[in-house]
Amino acid sequence: MKLTNTPYDDVFRTLLNDCSALIIPVINEVFGERYTGQEKVVFFPSEHFLNRQDGDGQGRVTDSSFEIRGREPKKYHLECQSSPDSSMLVRFFEYDTQIALDQGKVVGNTLTVTFPHSAVLYLRCTASTPDEMRIRMVTPGGITEYAVLVMRSQDYTLEEIFRKDLLFLLPFYIFTHESRFHEYEEDRAKLECLMQEYGQIKDKLEGLLEQKAISEYTKCTLLDMSNKVLEHIAARHEAVRKGVKAVMGGKILEYEAKTIRNEGIQQGIEQGLEQGLERGLEQGIEALVLDNLEEGSSEERILTKLEKRFSLDKERALIYYKRFSGEPSDMQ
């Protein structure tokens, strides 16, 4: 089964996986929640095998299915959509049903399934784009329905994005200007205004970094993902593409090599040359664990990185993880 993703889907998932804390203000905005931002985000499998009416099965990838563990755990399902799609509601129902079944419980003669809170992020919208869509189920026991809420990224100004801490939307902000790309190509003064706006974005991110509201890695991820979106949306508009990139910078991150995070690791290794290799490596491991925890990475993901980066076996990686994360360890 071939599963295809758009570049915008990839950016959406990269932000979720590498900077998962950024999704919490989005959930607050869409669903009216009051999460503090310190809650744990736990992701569910993104690929589901769906049984179809014709007897065939098809694997599909949800953009995001996760649980936020606040005072009470809640499941959420978010999709990123560049344009309206007539099949969107059908896909939501398929995904939501499978997500509910994945954690369904049978007690006695009753199966209980809990549907996730669902929403779609539209990157492009028109006057007819709704505030919500609805799924209605007619059952022998009666009619029930639920809403799939709609977030339109183009509705948010830069001021609102930063005031509401919706940094997750920054890489998609260029969609706001898409209809004027041809003007920017022909009018240097208008292009300069666009470049100044992106200069403000970069300055504001630097300010948040100085205030320690975000990490260096989060800042660089946002800039890098903004460039990735730009490369595709402005593929036929060279002046726009080159102008904005001149402000935002070129390739920022070496994914998985992750230069920013490796600074702490490299520092630990250098100190190890003077103080003993073991201590130096431990400082590098500590830097990786703490930085990943700050970004909301799961224990499993951190352990995988430790094993890969430092050639550790699973048992040793777990010992280091528990040591530097502050979790109690029953291993010696």
Protein backbone atom coordinates (compact mmCIF):
# COMPACT_ATOMS: atom_id res chain seq x y z
CA MET A 1 0.00 0.00 0.00
CA LYS A 2 1.48 3.31 -1.06
CA LEU A 3 0.97 6.19 1.34
CA THR A 4 1.60 9.68 -0.02
CA ASN A 5 2.20 12.85 1.95
CA THR A 6 2.42 16.45 0.83
CA PRO A 7 5.34 18.68 1.89
CA TYR A 8 2.91 20.55 4.14
CA ASP A 9 1.90 17.29 5.85
CA ASP A 10 5.58 16.58 6.44
CA VAL A 11 6.11 20.00 8.02
CA PHE A 12 3.02 19.52 10.19
CA ARG A 13 4.28 16.16 11.47
CA THR A 14 7.85 17.39 11.95
CA LEU A 15 6.62 20.20 14.19
CA LEU A 16 4.48 17.76 16.16
CA ASN A 17 7.25 15.23 16.64
CA ASP A 18 10.18 17.59 17.28
CA CYS A 19 8.41 20.50 19.03
CA SER A 20 5.30 18.83 20.41
CA ALA A 21 4.75 21.47 23.12
CA LEU A 22 3.83 23.95 20.36
CA ILE A 23 0.59 22.09 19.66
CA ILE A 24 -0.83 22.81 23.13
CA PRO A 25 -1.65 26.51 22.48
CA VAL A 26 -3.31 25.40 19.21
CA ILE A 27 -5.52 22.98 21.16
CA ASN A 28 -6.36 25.77 23.61
CA GLU A 29 -7.33 28.06 20.73
CA VAL A 30 -9.44 25.53 18.80
CA PHE A 31 -11.16 23.71 21.64
CA GLY A 32 -11.22 26.42 24.30
CA GLU A 33 -9.02 24.43 26.66
CA ARG A 34 -6.82 25.95 29.36
CA TYR A 35 -3.72 23.83 29.28
CA THR A 36 -0.65 25.43 30.81
CA GLY A 37 1.80 24.06 28.26
CA GLN A 38 3.48 21.79 30.79
CA GLU A 39 1.22 18.82 30.09
CA LYS A 40 2.57 15.64 28.53
CA VAL A 41 1.65 14.94 24.90
CA VAL A 42 1.47 11.22 24.10
CA PHE A 43 1.20 10.21 20.45
CA PHE A 44 -0.76 7.26 19.09
CA PRO A 45 0.11 5.23 15.97
CA SER A 46 -0.32 7.43 12.89
CA GLU A 47 -1.11 4.64 10.43
CA HIS A 48 -4.39 2.76 10.57
CA PHE A 49 -5.55 -0.17 8.49
CA LEU A 50 -9.05 0.66 7.35
CA ASN A 51 -11.53 -1.97 6.19
CA ARG A 52 -13.56 -0.79 3.20
CA GLN A 53 -17.06 -1.72 2.04
CA ASP A 54 -15.67 -3.48 -1.02
CA GLY A 55 -13.76 -5.86 1.24
CA ASP A 56 -10.44 -4.26 0.45
CA GLY A 57 -8.20 -2.83 3.13
CA GLN A 58 -6.23 0.36 2.94
CA GLY A 59 -3.54 1.86 5.12
CA ARG A 60 -3.83 5.58 5.74
CA VAL A 61 -1.80 7.98 7.81
CA THR A 62 -3.50 10.42 10.15
CA ASP A 63 -1.69 13.72 10.51
CA SER A 64 -1.89 13.66 14.29
CA SER A 65 -3.55 11.47 16.88
CA PHE A 66 -2.50 12.09 20.47
CA GLU A 67 -3.52 12.45 24.07
CA ILE A 68 -2.85 15.41 26.33
CA ARG A 69 -2.54 14.37 29.95
CA GLY A 70 -3.76 17.26 32.04
CA ARG A 71 -6.16 17.04 34.97
CA GLU A 72 -7.96 14.47 32.88
CA PRO A 73 -6.53 12.82 29.75
CA LYS A 74 -8.17 13.82 26.46
CA LYS A 75 -7.66 12.38 22.99
CA TYR A 76 -7.31 14.66 19.97
CA HIS A 77 -7.17 14.12 16.23
CA LEU A 78 -5.85 16.90 13.99
CA GLU A 79 -5.46 16.99 10.23
CA CYS A 80 -3.63 19.53 8.09
CA GLN A 81 -5.32 20.38 4.79
CA SER A 82 -3.95 22.79 2.20
CA SER A 83 -7.30 23.14 0.39
CA PRO A 84 -10.94 22.10 0.93
CA ASP A 85 -11.59 18.45 0.13
CA SER A 86 -15.00 16.88 -0.38
CA SER A 87 -13.80 13.60 1.14
CA MET A 88 -12.50 15.22 4.33
CA LEU A 89 -15.46 14.28 6.53
CA VAL A 90 -15.43 10.68 5.33
CA ARG A 91 -11.74 10.39 6.21
CA PHE A 92 -12.31 11.98 9.60
CA PHE A 93 -15.04 9.48 10.41
CA GLU A 94 -12.85 6.57 9.30
CA TYR A 95 -9.89 7.79 11.37
CA ASP A 96 -11.93 8.75 14.42
CA THR A 97 -13.70 5.38 14.45
CA GLN A 98 -10.41 3.50 14.24
CA ILE A 99 -8.81 5.69 16.93
CA ALA A 100 -11.81 4.99 19.18
CA LEU A 101 -11.64 1.24 18.50
CA ASP A 102 -7.92 1.11 19.20
CA GLN A 103 -8.62 1.86 22.85
CA GLY A 104 -12.14 0.49 23.11
CA LYS A 105 -13.06 -1.59 26.16
CA VAL A 106 -15.48 -4.46 26.52
CA VAL A 107 -16.99 -4.80 29.97
CA GLY A 108 -19.54 -7.55 30.30
CA ASN A 109 -21.69 -7.32 27.19
CA THR A 110 -20.92 -3.68 26.43
CA LEU A 111 -18.25 -2.20 24.15
CA THR A 112 -17.36 1.39 25.06
CA VAL A 113 -15.44 3.54 22.58
CA THR A 114 -14.32 7.12 23.13
CA PHE A 115 -14.08 9.31 20.05
CA PRO A 116 -11.31 11.93 19.94
CA HIS A 117 -11.84 15.67 19.83
CA SER A 118 -11.28 16.39 16.14
CA ALA A 119 -10.25 19.45 14.13
CA VAL A 120 -8.72 20.38 10.79
CA LEU A 121 -6.17 23.11 10.11
CA TYR A 122 -6.94 24.68 6.73
CA LEU A 123 -3.94 26.42 5.18
CA ARG A 124 -6.08 27.96 2.45
CA CYS A 125 -9.63 29.14 2.96
CA THR A 126 -12.41 31.08 1.26
CA ALA A 127 -15.47 32.95 2.45
CA SER A 128 -17.38 29.66 2.35
CA THR A 129 -14.95 27.75 4.57
CA PRO A 130 -17.03 26.76 7.64
CA ASP A 131 -16.19 27.20 11.32
CA GLU A 132 -17.02 23.56 11.88
CA MET A 133 -18.17 20.43 10.12
CA ARG A 134 -20.43 17.78 11.62
CA ILE A 135 -20.62 14.01 11.56
CA ARG A 136 -24.06 12.57 12.26
CA MET A 137 -24.68 8.91 12.98
CA VAL A 138 -28.11 7.37 12.72
CA THR A 139 -28.15 4.29 14.93
CA PRO A 140 -30.90 1.89 16.08
CA GLY A 141 -30.61 3.59 19.45
CA GLY A 142 -31.05 7.10 18.10
CA ILE A 143 -29.18 9.89 16.34
CA THR A 144 -25.89 11.21 17.67
CA GLU A 145 -23.46 13.68 16.14
CA TYR A 146 -20.23 15.52 16.88
CA ALA A 147 -18.34 18.48 15.46
CA VAL A 148 -15.07 18.54 13.57
CA LEU A 149 -13.80 22.03 14.33
CA VAL A 150 -12.02 24.17 11.75
CA MET A 151 -8.94 26.35 12.26
CA ARG A 152 -8.07 28.68 9.36
CA SER A 153 -4.41 29.65 9.50
CA GLN A 154 -4.99 32.62 7.19
CA ASP A 155 -7.30 34.19 9.77
CA TYR A 156 -4.41 34.93 12.12
CA THR A 157 -2.25 38.04 11.92
CA LEU A 158 1.35 37.97 13.06
CA GLU A 159 0.38 39.94 16.13
CA GLU A 160 -2.24 37.32 17.06
CA ILE A 161 0.13 34.43 16.40
CA PHE A 162 2.71 35.78 18.84
CA ARG A 163 0.19 37.10 21.37
CA LYS A 164 -1.62 33.77 21.56
CA ASP A 165 1.62 31.76 21.40
CA LEU A 166 0.47 30.04 18.18
CA LEU A 167 4.02 29.57 16.96
CA PHE A 168 2.98 26.29 15.39
CA LEU A 169 1.31 28.36 12.63
CA LEU A 170 4.42 30.36 11.70
CA PRO A 171 5.74 28.03 8.97
CA PHE A 172 2.35 28.31 7.25
CA TYR A 173 2.07 32.09 7.53
CA ILE A 174 3.31 32.51 3.94
CA PHE A 175 -0.10 31.21 2.76
CA THR A 176 -1.50 34.58 3.82
CA HIS A 177 0.53 36.20 1.04
CA GLU A 178 0.04 33.55 -1.64
CA SER A 179 -2.57 35.51 -3.62
CA ARG A 180 -0.14 38.43 -3.95
CA PHE A 181 2.94 36.53 -5.12
CA HIS A 182 2.56 37.90 -8.64
CA GLU A 183 2.59 41.45 -7.24
CA TYR A 184 5.76 40.80 -5.28
CA GLU A 185 7.43 39.42 -8.40
CA GLU A 186 6.73 42.63 -10.31
CA ASP A 187 7.04 45.27 -7.60
CA ARG A 188 10.28 45.41 -5.62
CA ALA A 189 8.81 47.80 -3.03
CA LYS A 190 6.03 45.33 -2.19
CA LEU A 191 8.54 42.50 -2.00
CA GLU A 192 10.60 44.57 0.43
CA CYS A 193 7.53 44.91 2.68
CA LEU A 194 7.15 41.13 2.68
CA MET A 195 10.83 40.71 3.52
CA GLN A 196 10.52 43.23 6.37
CA GLU A 197 7.60 41.26 7.78
CA TYR A 198 9.69 38.10 7.83
CA GLY A 199 12.50 40.07 9.41
CA GLN A 200 10.07 40.87 12.22
CA ILE A 201 9.25 37.18 12.60
CA LYS A 202 12.92 36.33 12.98
CA ASP A 203 13.45 39.18 15.47
CA LYS A 204 10.44 38.11 17.55
CA LEU A 205 11.73 34.55 17.70
CA GLU A 206 15.11 35.84 18.81
CA GLY A 207 13.33 37.81 21.52
CA LEU A 208 11.49 34.72 22.75
CA LEU A 209 14.80 32.88 22.80
CA GLU A 210 16.40 35.60 24.93
CA GLN A 211 13.43 35.41 27.31
CA LYS A 212 13.92 31.62 27.43
CA ALA A 213 10.33 31.18 26.27
CA ILE A 214 11.61 28.86 23.51
CA SER A 215 14.83 26.95 22.98
CA GLU A 216 17.41 27.52 20.27
CA TYR A 217 16.30 24.27 18.71
CA THR A 218 12.63 25.32 18.58
CA LYS A 219 13.57 28.64 16.98
CA CYS A 220 15.67 26.93 14.33
CA THR A 221 13.02 24.29 13.65
CA LEU A 222 10.41 27.00 13.02
CA LEU A 223 12.73 28.83 10.65
CA ASP A 224 13.72 25.66 8.83
CA MET A 225 10.13 24.48 8.43
CA SER A 226 9.15 27.97 7.21
CA ASN A 227 11.79 27.62 4.51
CA LYS A 228 10.50 24.19 3.55
CA VAL A 229 6.95 25.50 3.08
CA LEU A 230 8.32 28.49 1.14
CA GLU A 231 10.26 26.23 -1.25
CA HIS A 232 7.05 24.53 -2.34
CA ILE A 233 4.44 27.26 -2.21
CA ALA A 234 6.69 29.73 -4.07
CA ALA A 235 8.32 27.20 -6.39
CA ARG A 236 7.29 29.29 -9.43
CA HIS A 237 8.00 32.66 -7.84
CA GLU A 238 11.75 33.07 -7.70
CA ALA A 239 11.85 36.63 -6.37
CA VAL A 240 9.55 35.75 -3.46
CA ARG A 241 11.45 32.58 -2.67
CA LYS A 242 14.88 34.18 -2.76
CA GLY A 243 13.76 37.35 -0.98
CA VAL A 244 12.23 35.63 2.03
CA LYS A 245 15.07 33.10 2.27
CA ALA A 246 17.57 35.95 2.29
CA VAL A 247 15.89 37.17 5.49
CA MET A 248 15.17 33.83 7.13
CA GLY A 249 18.44 32.14 6.25
CA GLY A 250 19.10 28.98 4.26
CA LYS A 251 19.41 25.43 5.52
CA ILE A 252 19.40 25.69 9.30
CA LEU A 253 19.08 22.18 10.64
CA GLU A 254 20.82 18.93 9.86
CA TYR A 255 17.96 16.65 10.79
CA GLU A 256 18.88 13.84 13.13
CA ALA A 257 22.46 15.17 13.12
CA LYS A 258 20.87 18.27 14.71
CA THR A 259 23.73 20.67 15.02
CA ILE A 260 22.11 22.75 17.75
CA ARG A 261 21.67 19.85 20.12
CA ASN A 262 25.08 18.50 19.29
CA GLU A 263 26.69 21.63 20.74
CA GLY A 264 26.02 20.27 24.23
CA ILE A 265 27.23 16.83 23.22
CA GLN A 266 30.38 18.23 21.62
CA GLN A 267 31.10 20.34 24.68
CA GLY A 268 30.80 17.24 26.83
CA ILE A 269 33.19 15.32 24.60
CA GLU A 270 35.73 18.16 24.66
CA GLN A 271 35.58 18.31 28.43
CA GLY A 272 35.99 14.56 28.46
CA LEU A 273 39.41 14.92 26.85
CA GLU A 274 40.52 16.82 29.94
CA GLN A 275 38.46 15.25 32.68
CA GLY A 276 38.07 11.74 31.39
CA LEU A 277 36.11 10.45 28.42
CA GLU A 278 33.35 8.88 30.51
CA ARG A 279 32.44 12.12 32.27
CA GLY A 280 32.54 14.04 29.02
CA LEU A 281 30.21 11.58 27.35
CA GLU A 282 27.86 11.73 30.34
CA GLN A 283 27.59 15.50 29.94
CA GLY A 284 26.78 15.02 26.29
CA ILE A 285 24.14 12.42 27.14
CA GLU A 286 22.67 14.71 29.81
CA ALA A 287 22.43 17.57 27.29
CA LEU A 288 20.57 15.36 24.83
CA VAL A 289 18.15 13.97 27.43
CA LEU A 290 17.27 17.34 28.98
CA ASP A 291 16.88 19.11 25.64
CA ASN A 292 14.60 16.38 24.29
CA LEU A 293 12.51 16.42 27.48
CA GLU A 294 12.15 20.19 27.12
CA GLU A 295 10.80 19.67 23.60
CA GLY A 296 8.29 17.07 24.81
CA SER A 297 9.90 14.02 23.16
CA SER A 298 8.70 10.64 24.41
CA GLU A 299 10.86 8.32 26.50
CA GLU A 300 10.96 5.81 23.63
CA ARG A 301 12.20 8.44 21.17
CA ILE A 302 14.92 9.66 23.56
CA LEU A 303 16.11 6.11 24.24
CA THR A 304 16.35 5.43 20.51
CA LYS A 305 18.51 8.54 20.05
CA LEU A 306 20.77 7.60 22.96
CA GLU A 307 21.33 4.12 21.55
CA LYS A 308 22.08 5.52 18.09
CA ARG A 309 24.15 8.57 19.04
CA PHE A 310 26.26 6.98 21.78
CA SER A 311 26.23 3.32 20.67
CA LEU A 312 24.54 2.25 23.90
CA ASP A 313 22.60 -0.94 24.46
CA LYS A 314 18.97 -0.59 25.57
CA GLU A 315 19.70 -1.30 29.24
CA ARG A 316 22.49 1.27 29.46
CA ALA A 317 20.43 3.89 27.59
CA LEU A 318 17.57 3.39 30.07
CA ILE A 319 19.93 3.84 33.04
CA TYR A 320 21.20 7.16 31.67
CA TYR A 321 17.67 8.28 30.81
CA LYS A 322 16.34 7.65 34.31
CA ARG A 323 19.41 9.26 35.84
CA PHE A 324 19.17 12.54 33.95
CA SER A 325 15.37 12.75 33.68
CA GLY A 326 14.99 12.42 37.43
CA GLU A 327 12.93 9.23 37.22
CA PRO A 328 13.61 6.63 39.92
CA SER A 329 15.63 3.69 38.67
CA ASP A 330 15.56 0.11 39.93
CA MET A 331 18.74 -0.71 38.00
CA GLN A 332 22.19 -0.62 39.45
